[in-house]
Amino acid sequence: MEHIISVLVENKFGVLSRVVNLFSGRGYNIETLCVAPTMDPSISLMTIVTSGDDRIIEQIVKQLNKVIDVIKVVDINESEFVEREMALIKIHTRQEDRAEALRITDIFRGKVVDSSQNSYTIEITGDVKKVEAAINLLQPLGIKELVRTGRVAIPREPARTTATQPKRILKEEK
């Protein structure tokens, strides 16, 4: 089963290497990896997508917590979450395919971020299925280059229950 693990780390030289070595040293695969600074530039957030049963994921989380400079590890799959991926797709556009490329881009709420006489570079953002569906439809037009960010994810806030919602006063009694 696929899991998304969020790892908050100190933004220091060598931290990424130690985390990646932990995975490779134990024979675990990283499907995707995205790393970027947080609001605090001294801290980075790693979003790691990996596969394994519950026992393997539990072991990965325990081992990550032992890595120096790791602040917090969360298996995002333990709660509801929002995930996104972005792809930049450069397609060869013959004159007769340009309208079709724009139509597909529009269907997926993508954007043409660069254009030349012979190509469009299209940005598609969404969940993995959306990105893959767009790629599959653009494939027959001739994909020249494709880069993907890997997934980023953030837990959803819990829904407010009726017990915690403020009561509305419709009319004051006199």
N, C-alpha and C. Protein backbone atom coordinates (compact mmCIF):
# COMPACT_ATOMS: atom_id res chain seq x y z
N MET A 1 0.84 -1.18 0.00
CA MET A 1 0.00 0.00 0.00
C MET A 1 0.89 1.24 0.00
N GLU A 2 0.48 2.24 -0.75
CA GLU A 2 1.24 3.48 -0.86
C GLU A 2 0.97 4.37 0.35
N HIS A 3 2.03 5.00 0.87
CA HIS A 3 1.91 5.92 2.01
C HIS A 3 2.64 7.21 1.69
N ILE A 4 2.09 8.30 2.20
CA ILE A 4 2.75 9.60 2.09
C ILE A 4 3.25 9.96 3.49
N ILE A 5 4.55 10.14 3.59
CA ILE A 5 5.17 10.45 4.88
C ILE A 5 5.71 11.87 4.82
N SER A 6 5.32 12.66 5.80
CA SER A 6 5.77 14.04 5.92
C SER A 6 6.88 14.09 6.97
N VAL A 7 8.03 14.63 6.59
CA VAL A 7 9.18 14.66 7.50
C VAL A 7 9.65 16.11 7.62
N LEU A 8 9.50 16.67 8.81
CA LEU A 8 9.97 18.02 9.10
C LEU A 8 11.40 17.91 9.58
N VAL A 9 12.31 18.61 8.90
CA VAL A 9 13.74 18.48 9.22
C VAL A 9 14.39 19.86 9.32
N GLU A 10 15.54 19.89 9.99
CA GLU A 10 16.33 21.11 9.99
C GLU A 10 16.93 21.27 8.61
N ASN A 11 16.92 22.48 8.10
CA ASN A 11 17.41 22.75 6.75
C ASN A 11 18.94 22.88 6.80
N LYS A 12 19.60 21.72 6.82
CA LYS A 12 21.05 21.67 6.94
C LYS A 12 21.64 20.75 5.88
N PHE A 13 22.90 20.98 5.59
CA PHE A 13 23.66 20.14 4.67
C PHE A 13 23.66 18.69 5.16
N GLY A 14 23.37 17.75 4.25
CA GLY A 14 23.49 16.33 4.56
C GLY A 14 22.23 15.66 5.07
N VAL A 15 21.19 16.42 5.43
CA VAL A 15 19.97 15.81 5.98
C VAL A 15 19.27 14.96 4.92
N LEU A 16 19.13 15.50 3.73
CA LEU A 16 18.49 14.75 2.65
C LEU A 16 19.24 13.45 2.39
N SER A 17 20.54 13.52 2.36
CA SER A 17 21.36 12.34 2.12
C SER A 17 21.13 11.27 3.20
N ARG A 18 21.06 11.68 4.46
CA ARG A 18 20.85 10.72 5.54
C ARG A 18 19.47 10.05 5.42
N VAL A 19 18.46 10.82 5.05
CA VAL A 19 17.12 10.26 4.91
C VAL A 19 17.07 9.28 3.74
N VAL A 20 17.63 9.66 2.61
CA VAL A 20 17.64 8.78 1.44
C VAL A 20 18.44 7.52 1.72
N ASN A 21 19.57 7.66 2.41
CA ASN A 21 20.39 6.49 2.76
C ASN A 21 19.65 5.54 3.69
N LEU A 22 18.81 6.08 4.56
CA LEU A 22 18.01 5.23 5.44
C LEU A 22 17.12 4.31 4.61
N PHE A 23 16.48 4.88 3.59
CA PHE A 23 15.61 4.09 2.73
C PHE A 23 16.40 3.06 1.94
N SER A 24 17.45 3.50 1.27
CA SER A 24 18.20 2.58 0.40
C SER A 24 18.92 1.51 1.23
N GLY A 25 19.41 1.86 2.40
CA GLY A 25 20.12 0.90 3.23
C GLY A 25 19.24 -0.23 3.73
N ARG A 26 17.94 0.01 3.80
CA ARG A 26 17.00 -1.01 4.27
C ARG A 26 16.19 -1.62 3.13
N GLY A 27 16.50 -1.22 1.91
CA GLY A 27 15.83 -1.79 0.75
C GLY A 27 14.43 -1.26 0.50
N TYR A 28 14.12 -0.08 1.04
CA TYR A 28 12.82 0.54 0.80
C TYR A 28 12.93 1.48 -0.39
N ASN A 29 11.88 1.55 -1.17
CA ASN A 29 11.89 2.40 -2.35
C ASN A 29 11.18 3.72 -2.07
N ILE A 30 11.71 4.80 -2.59
CA ILE A 30 11.05 6.10 -2.56
C ILE A 30 10.41 6.28 -3.93
N GLU A 31 9.08 6.34 -3.96
CA GLU A 31 8.35 6.55 -5.22
C GLU A 31 8.54 7.99 -5.69
N THR A 32 8.26 8.94 -4.80
CA THR A 32 8.51 10.35 -5.10
C THR A 32 9.03 11.03 -3.84
N LEU A 33 9.75 12.12 -4.06
CA LEU A 33 10.35 12.88 -2.97
C LEU A 33 10.30 14.35 -3.33
N CYS A 34 9.75 15.15 -2.46
CA CYS A 34 9.68 16.58 -2.67
C CYS A 34 10.19 17.25 -1.39
N VAL A 35 11.13 18.18 -1.53
CA VAL A 35 11.72 18.86 -0.38
C VAL A 35 11.71 20.36 -0.63
N ALA A 36 11.26 21.12 0.36
CA ALA A 36 11.27 22.58 0.22
C ALA A 36 11.27 23.21 1.61
N PRO A 37 11.80 24.44 1.71
CA PRO A 37 11.76 25.14 2.99
C PRO A 37 10.31 25.45 3.40
N THR A 38 10.10 25.59 4.69
CA THR A 38 8.79 25.97 5.22
C THR A 38 8.76 27.49 5.40
N MET A 39 7.78 27.97 6.13
CA MET A 39 7.72 29.41 6.43
C MET A 39 8.97 29.85 7.20
N ASP A 40 9.53 28.94 7.97
CA ASP A 40 10.79 29.18 8.68
C ASP A 40 11.92 28.63 7.79
N PRO A 41 12.77 29.47 7.23
CA PRO A 41 13.80 28.99 6.31
C PRO A 41 14.83 28.04 6.93
N SER A 42 14.85 27.93 8.24
CA SER A 42 15.79 26.99 8.87
C SER A 42 15.21 25.58 8.96
N ILE A 43 13.95 25.42 8.51
CA ILE A 43 13.27 24.13 8.55
C ILE A 43 12.73 23.80 7.16
N SER A 44 12.90 22.54 6.76
CA SER A 44 12.36 22.07 5.48
C SER A 44 11.34 20.97 5.72
N LEU A 45 10.48 20.77 4.75
CA LEU A 45 9.51 19.70 4.80
C LEU A 45 9.77 18.75 3.64
N MET A 46 9.95 17.48 3.97
CA MET A 46 10.11 16.43 2.96
C MET A 46 8.78 15.70 2.85
N THR A 47 8.30 15.54 1.64
CA THR A 47 7.12 14.72 1.40
C THR A 47 7.61 13.50 0.63
N ILE A 48 7.51 12.34 1.28
CA ILE A 48 8.03 11.10 0.71
C ILE A 48 6.86 10.15 0.44
N VAL A 49 6.78 9.67 -0.78
CA VAL A 49 5.78 8.65 -1.11
C VAL A 49 6.54 7.33 -1.23
N THR A 50 6.08 6.34 -0.47
CA THR A 50 6.71 5.03 -0.46
C THR A 50 5.62 3.96 -0.36
N SER A 51 6.01 2.73 -0.54
CA SER A 51 5.05 1.62 -0.47
C SER A 51 5.48 0.63 0.59
N GLY A 52 4.49 -0.03 1.17
CA GLY A 52 4.77 -1.08 2.15
C GLY A 52 3.55 -1.35 2.99
N ASP A 53 3.59 -2.50 3.68
CA ASP A 53 2.48 -2.81 4.58
C ASP A 53 2.65 -1.99 5.86
N ASP A 54 1.69 -2.11 6.76
CA ASP A 54 1.70 -1.30 7.98
C ASP A 54 2.96 -1.50 8.80
N ARG A 55 3.46 -2.72 8.86
CA ARG A 55 4.67 -3.01 9.64
C ARG A 55 5.88 -2.28 9.05
N ILE A 56 6.00 -2.30 7.73
CA ILE A 56 7.13 -1.64 7.08
C ILE A 56 7.05 -0.13 7.27
N ILE A 57 5.86 0.44 7.10
CA ILE A 57 5.70 1.89 7.27
C ILE A 57 6.00 2.29 8.71
N GLU A 58 5.54 1.49 9.66
CA GLU A 58 5.84 1.76 11.07
C GLU A 58 7.35 1.76 11.32
N GLN A 59 8.05 0.81 10.70
CA GLN A 59 9.50 0.72 10.83
C GLN A 59 10.18 1.94 10.21
N ILE A 60 9.70 2.36 9.03
CA ILE A 60 10.26 3.54 8.38
C ILE A 60 10.10 4.77 9.27
N VAL A 61 8.90 4.94 9.82
CA VAL A 61 8.63 6.10 10.69
C VAL A 61 9.55 6.07 11.92
N LYS A 62 9.70 4.91 12.54
CA LYS A 62 10.58 4.79 13.71
C LYS A 62 12.02 5.14 13.35
N GLN A 63 12.50 4.62 12.22
CA GLN A 63 13.88 4.88 11.81
C GLN A 63 14.09 6.35 11.46
N LEU A 64 13.10 6.96 10.80
CA LEU A 64 13.22 8.38 10.47
C LEU A 64 13.30 9.23 11.72
N ASN A 65 12.55 8.86 12.75
CA ASN A 65 12.58 9.62 14.01
C ASN A 65 13.94 9.55 14.68
N LYS A 66 14.76 8.56 14.35
CA LYS A 66 16.09 8.44 14.94
C LYS A 66 17.14 9.27 14.20
N VAL A 67 16.82 9.74 13.00
CA VAL A 67 17.80 10.50 12.20
C VAL A 67 18.03 11.86 12.85
N ILE A 68 19.30 12.21 12.99
CA ILE A 68 19.66 13.52 13.53
C ILE A 68 19.08 14.58 12.60
N ASP A 69 18.60 15.66 13.13
CA ASP A 69 18.02 16.79 12.40
C ASP A 69 16.57 16.56 11.97
N VAL A 70 16.00 15.39 12.24
CA VAL A 70 14.58 15.18 11.97
C VAL A 70 13.79 15.70 13.16
N ILE A 71 12.84 16.58 12.90
CA ILE A 71 12.05 17.21 13.95
C ILE A 71 10.76 16.44 14.20
N LYS A 72 10.07 16.06 13.11
CA LYS A 72 8.77 15.41 13.25
C LYS A 72 8.50 14.55 12.02
N VAL A 73 7.91 13.36 12.24
CA VAL A 73 7.55 12.45 11.16
C VAL A 73 6.07 12.12 11.30
N VAL A 74 5.32 12.26 10.19
CA VAL A 74 3.89 11.96 10.21
C VAL A 74 3.54 11.14 8.98
N ASP A 75 2.83 10.02 9.22
CA ASP A 75 2.27 9.25 8.11
C ASP A 75 0.94 9.94 7.77
N ILE A 76 0.94 10.68 6.69
CA ILE A 76 -0.23 11.48 6.30
C ILE A 76 -1.45 10.60 6.06
N ASN A 77 -1.24 9.35 5.66
CA ASN A 77 -2.35 8.45 5.37
C ASN A 77 -3.20 8.13 6.59
N GLU A 78 -2.72 8.47 7.78
CA GLU A 78 -3.49 8.18 8.99
C GLU A 78 -4.66 9.14 9.18
N SER A 79 -4.75 10.16 8.35
CA SER A 79 -5.87 11.10 8.43
C SER A 79 -6.28 11.47 7.00
N GLU A 80 -7.34 12.24 6.89
CA GLU A 80 -7.72 12.73 5.56
C GLU A 80 -6.73 13.80 5.16
N PHE A 81 -6.45 13.88 3.86
CA PHE A 81 -5.45 14.82 3.40
C PHE A 81 -5.77 15.31 2.00
N VAL A 82 -5.09 16.38 1.62
CA VAL A 82 -5.18 16.92 0.27
C VAL A 82 -3.81 16.71 -0.35
N GLU A 83 -3.78 16.19 -1.58
CA GLU A 83 -2.51 15.98 -2.25
C GLU A 83 -2.57 16.58 -3.65
N ARG A 84 -1.42 17.02 -4.12
CA ARG A 84 -1.31 17.58 -5.46
C ARG A 84 0.04 17.21 -6.05
N GLU A 85 0.06 17.18 -7.36
CA GLU A 85 1.29 16.98 -8.11
C GLU A 85 1.23 17.94 -9.29
N MET A 86 2.38 18.37 -9.75
CA MET A 86 2.42 19.23 -10.93
C MET A 86 3.30 18.58 -11.97
N ALA A 87 2.88 18.71 -13.23
CA ALA A 87 3.69 18.22 -14.33
C ALA A 87 3.85 19.33 -15.35
N LEU A 88 5.05 19.44 -15.90
CA LEU A 88 5.31 20.30 -17.05
C LEU A 88 5.53 19.36 -18.23
N ILE A 89 4.71 19.55 -19.25
CA ILE A 89 4.72 18.65 -20.39
C ILE A 89 4.99 19.47 -21.65
N LYS A 90 6.12 19.20 -22.27
CA LYS A 90 6.46 19.88 -23.53
C LYS A 90 6.04 18.98 -24.67
N ILE A 91 5.15 19.48 -25.49
CA ILE A 91 4.67 18.68 -26.61
C ILE A 91 5.03 19.34 -27.93
N HIS A 92 5.32 18.49 -28.89
CA HIS A 92 5.57 18.96 -30.26
C HIS A 92 4.21 19.29 -30.85
N THR A 93 4.05 20.48 -31.38
CA THR A 93 2.74 20.86 -31.90
C THR A 93 2.84 21.20 -33.38
N ARG A 94 2.32 20.28 -34.16
CA ARG A 94 2.15 20.58 -35.57
C ARG A 94 0.95 21.52 -35.67
N GLN A 95 0.88 22.26 -36.71
CA GLN A 95 -0.19 23.24 -36.88
C GLN A 95 -1.57 22.60 -36.68
N GLU A 96 -1.76 21.40 -37.21
CA GLU A 96 -3.08 20.75 -37.13
C GLU A 96 -3.39 20.21 -35.73
N ASP A 97 -2.38 20.11 -34.84
CA ASP A 97 -2.59 19.59 -33.48
C ASP A 97 -2.71 20.68 -32.42
N ARG A 98 -2.44 21.91 -32.77
CA ARG A 98 -2.40 22.99 -31.77
C ARG A 98 -3.76 23.17 -31.09
N ALA A 99 -4.83 23.14 -31.82
CA ALA A 99 -6.16 23.31 -31.23
C ALA A 99 -6.49 22.16 -30.28
N GLU A 100 -6.12 20.94 -30.67
CA GLU A 100 -6.36 19.77 -29.82
C GLU A 100 -5.55 19.87 -28.52
N ALA A 101 -4.32 20.31 -28.62
CA ALA A 101 -3.48 20.48 -27.42
C ALA A 101 -4.11 21.50 -26.48
N LEU A 102 -4.61 22.60 -27.02
CA LEU A 102 -5.26 23.62 -26.19
C LEU A 102 -6.56 23.10 -25.60
N ARG A 103 -7.29 22.30 -26.34
CA ARG A 103 -8.55 21.73 -25.83
C ARG A 103 -8.28 20.79 -24.66
N ILE A 104 -7.29 19.92 -24.79
CA ILE A 104 -6.93 19.00 -23.71
C ILE A 104 -6.46 19.78 -22.49
N THR A 105 -5.64 20.80 -22.72
CA THR A 105 -5.15 21.63 -21.62
C THR A 105 -6.33 22.28 -20.88
N ASP A 106 -7.29 22.78 -21.62
CA ASP A 106 -8.46 23.42 -21.03
C ASP A 106 -9.31 22.42 -20.23
N ILE A 107 -9.49 21.23 -20.76
CA ILE A 107 -10.28 20.19 -20.07
C ILE A 107 -9.69 19.90 -18.69
N PHE A 108 -8.37 19.88 -18.60
CA PHE A 108 -7.71 19.56 -17.33
C PHE A 108 -7.36 20.81 -16.52
N ARG A 109 -7.92 21.95 -16.91
CA ARG A 109 -7.67 23.23 -16.24
C ARG A 109 -6.17 23.51 -16.12
N GLY A 110 -5.46 23.14 -17.18
CA GLY A 110 -4.03 23.39 -17.24
C GLY A 110 -3.75 24.76 -17.84
N LYS A 111 -2.47 25.05 -17.97
CA LYS A 111 -2.04 26.32 -18.56
C LYS A 111 -0.92 26.07 -19.53
N VAL A 112 -0.92 26.82 -20.61
CA VAL A 112 0.23 26.84 -21.49
C VAL A 112 1.17 27.88 -20.88
N VAL A 113 2.35 27.42 -20.42
CA VAL A 113 3.28 28.32 -19.75
C VAL A 113 4.42 28.76 -20.65
N ASP A 114 4.54 28.12 -21.82
CA ASP A 114 5.53 28.53 -22.80
C ASP A 114 5.06 28.05 -24.17
N SER A 115 5.38 28.83 -25.18
CA SER A 115 4.93 28.50 -26.51
C SER A 115 6.00 28.91 -27.52
N SER A 116 6.17 28.07 -28.53
CA SER A 116 7.03 28.42 -29.65
C SER A 116 6.31 27.95 -30.91
N GLN A 117 6.93 28.13 -32.04
CA GLN A 117 6.31 27.69 -33.29
C GLN A 117 6.12 26.18 -33.33
N ASN A 118 6.98 25.47 -32.64
CA ASN A 118 6.95 24.01 -32.72
C ASN A 118 6.52 23.30 -31.45
N SER A 119 6.27 24.03 -30.36
CA SER A 119 5.94 23.33 -29.12
C SER A 119 5.12 24.20 -28.18
N TYR A 120 4.41 23.51 -27.31
CA TYR A 120 3.76 24.12 -26.15
C TYR A 120 4.36 23.45 -24.92
N THR A 121 4.54 24.21 -23.84
CA THR A 121 4.84 23.63 -22.55
C THR A 121 3.61 23.86 -21.69
N ILE A 122 3.04 22.77 -21.23
CA ILE A 122 1.77 22.80 -20.52
C ILE A 122 1.99 22.43 -19.06
N GLU A 123 1.35 23.18 -18.17
CA GLU A 123 1.39 22.89 -16.74
C GLU A 123 0.05 22.29 -16.34
N ILE A 124 0.11 21.12 -15.72
CA ILE A 124 -1.09 20.45 -15.20
C ILE A 124 -0.86 20.21 -13.71
N THR A 125 -1.82 20.62 -12.89
CA THR A 125 -1.73 20.42 -11.45
C THR A 125 -2.99 19.70 -10.98
N GLY A 126 -2.80 18.72 -10.11
CA GLY A 126 -3.95 18.00 -9.57
C GLY A 126 -3.51 16.73 -8.89
N ASP A 127 -4.48 15.84 -8.64
CA ASP A 127 -4.09 14.56 -8.05
C ASP A 127 -3.41 13.71 -9.12
N VAL A 128 -2.83 12.61 -8.71
CA VAL A 128 -2.04 11.78 -9.60
C VAL A 128 -2.86 11.29 -10.80
N LYS A 129 -4.09 10.88 -10.55
CA LYS A 129 -4.93 10.36 -11.64
C LYS A 129 -5.19 11.43 -12.69
N LYS A 130 -5.41 12.66 -12.26
CA LYS A 130 -5.65 13.76 -13.21
C LYS A 130 -4.40 14.01 -14.05
N VAL A 131 -3.25 14.07 -13.41
CA VAL A 131 -2.00 14.33 -14.13
C VAL A 131 -1.73 13.21 -15.13
N GLU A 132 -1.92 11.97 -14.70
CA GLU A 132 -1.67 10.84 -15.60
C GLU A 132 -2.67 10.81 -16.75
N ALA A 133 -3.92 11.16 -16.51
CA ALA A 133 -4.92 11.19 -17.58
C ALA A 133 -4.55 12.26 -18.62
N ALA A 134 -4.09 13.41 -18.16
CA ALA A 134 -3.69 14.47 -19.10
C ALA A 134 -2.49 14.01 -19.93
N ILE A 135 -1.53 13.38 -19.29
CA ILE A 135 -0.36 12.87 -20.02
C ILE A 135 -0.78 11.86 -21.07
N ASN A 136 -1.68 10.96 -20.70
CA ASN A 136 -2.15 9.93 -21.64
C ASN A 136 -2.84 10.54 -22.85
N LEU A 137 -3.61 11.62 -22.65
CA LEU A 137 -4.29 12.26 -23.78
C LEU A 137 -3.33 13.07 -24.64
N LEU A 138 -2.28 13.63 -24.02
CA LEU A 138 -1.31 14.42 -24.78
C LEU A 138 -0.28 13.54 -25.51
N GLN A 139 -0.13 12.31 -25.06
CA GLN A 139 0.87 11.39 -25.63
C GLN A 139 0.78 11.27 -27.16
N PRO A 140 -0.42 11.09 -27.73
CA PRO A 140 -0.48 10.94 -29.20
C PRO A 140 -0.04 12.20 -29.96
N LEU A 141 -0.03 13.35 -29.27
CA LEU A 141 0.40 14.58 -29.94
C LEU A 141 1.92 14.68 -30.02
N GLY A 142 2.61 13.87 -29.23
CA GLY A 142 4.07 13.86 -29.28
C GLY A 142 4.71 14.60 -28.12
N ILE A 143 4.85 13.93 -26.98
CA ILE A 143 5.50 14.54 -25.81
C ILE A 143 7.01 14.54 -26.06
N LYS A 144 7.61 15.73 -25.99
CA LYS A 144 9.06 15.88 -26.17
C LYS A 144 9.78 15.72 -24.84
N GLU A 145 9.21 16.32 -23.79
CA GLU A 145 9.80 16.26 -22.46
C GLU A 145 8.68 16.24 -21.44
N LEU A 146 8.97 15.61 -20.29
CA LEU A 146 8.00 15.53 -19.21
C LEU A 146 8.75 15.59 -17.90
N VAL A 147 8.36 16.51 -17.02
CA VAL A 147 8.90 16.56 -15.66
C VAL A 147 7.73 16.65 -14.69
N ARG A 148 7.87 15.91 -13.58
CA ARG A 148 6.82 15.90 -12.56
C ARG A 148 7.44 16.22 -11.22
N THR A 149 6.67 16.89 -10.37
CA THR A 149 7.19 17.29 -9.07
C THR A 149 7.20 16.16 -8.06
N GLY A 150 6.37 15.16 -8.25
CA GLY A 150 6.09 14.23 -7.17
C GLY A 150 5.00 14.87 -6.33
N ARG A 151 4.46 14.12 -5.44
CA ARG A 151 3.31 14.61 -4.68
C ARG A 151 3.71 15.42 -3.46
N VAL A 152 2.90 16.39 -3.17
CA VAL A 152 2.94 17.09 -1.89
C VAL A 152 1.57 16.88 -1.26
N ALA A 153 1.54 16.84 0.06
CA ALA A 153 0.27 16.57 0.74
C ALA A 153 0.24 17.34 2.05
N ILE A 154 -0.98 17.63 2.49
CA ILE A 154 -1.19 18.30 3.76
C ILE A 154 -2.46 17.74 4.38
N PRO A 155 -2.43 17.46 5.69
CA PRO A 155 -3.65 16.92 6.33
C PRO A 155 -4.79 17.94 6.30
N ARG A 156 -6.00 17.43 6.18
CA ARG A 156 -7.18 18.29 6.27
C ARG A 156 -7.45 18.61 7.73
N GLU A 157 -8.04 19.76 7.94
CA GLU A 157 -8.51 20.10 9.29
C GLU A 157 -9.75 19.27 9.56
N PRO A 158 -9.93 18.81 10.79
CA PRO A 158 -11.14 18.03 11.09
C PRO A 158 -12.39 18.89 10.93
N ALA A 159 -13.45 18.26 10.47
CA ALA A 159 -14.72 18.97 10.31
C ALA A 159 -15.27 19.34 11.68
N ARG A 160 -15.92 20.47 11.72
CA ARG A 160 -16.54 20.89 12.98
C ARG A 160 -17.78 20.05 13.22
N THR A 161 -17.93 19.59 14.42
CA THR A 161 -19.13 18.83 14.76
C THR A 161 -20.19 19.79 15.27
N THR A 162 -21.42 19.33 15.29
CA THR A 162 -22.51 20.20 15.74
C THR A 162 -22.34 20.61 17.19
N ALA A 163 -21.67 19.78 17.99
CA ALA A 163 -21.48 20.11 19.40
C ALA A 163 -20.53 21.29 19.57
N THR A 164 -19.63 21.49 18.63
CA THR A 164 -18.66 22.58 18.78
C THR A 164 -19.04 23.81 17.98
N GLN A 165 -20.10 23.71 17.17
CA GLN A 165 -20.51 24.87 16.40
C GLN A 165 -21.22 25.87 17.29
N PRO A 166 -20.98 27.16 17.07
CA PRO A 166 -21.68 28.16 17.88
C PRO A 166 -23.17 28.14 17.57
N LYS A 167 -23.96 28.37 18.59
CA LYS A 167 -25.40 28.42 18.40
C LYS A 167 -25.80 29.76 17.84
N ARG A 168 -26.74 29.73 16.92
CA ARG A 168 -27.23 30.98 16.34
C ARG A 168 -28.42 31.46 17.15
N ILE A 169 -28.38 32.71 17.48
CA ILE A 169 -29.51 33.32 18.17
C ILE A 169 -30.34 34.01 17.11
N LEU A 170 -31.54 33.48 16.90
CA LEU A 170 -32.38 34.04 15.86
C LEU A 170 -33.14 35.27 16.34
N LYS A 171 -33.58 35.24 17.58
CA LYS A 171 -34.37 36.35 18.09
C LYS A 171 -34.22 36.37 19.61
N GLU A 172 -33.89 37.50 20.13
CA GLU A 172 -33.76 37.60 21.58
C GLU A 172 -35.13 37.64 22.21
N GLU A 173 -35.28 36.93 23.31
CA GLU A 173 -36.54 36.98 24.03
C GLU A 173 -36.53 38.13 24.99
N LYS A 174 -37.67 38.78 25.13
CA LYS A 174 -37.77 39.93 26.03
C LYS A 174 -38.47 39.59 27.30
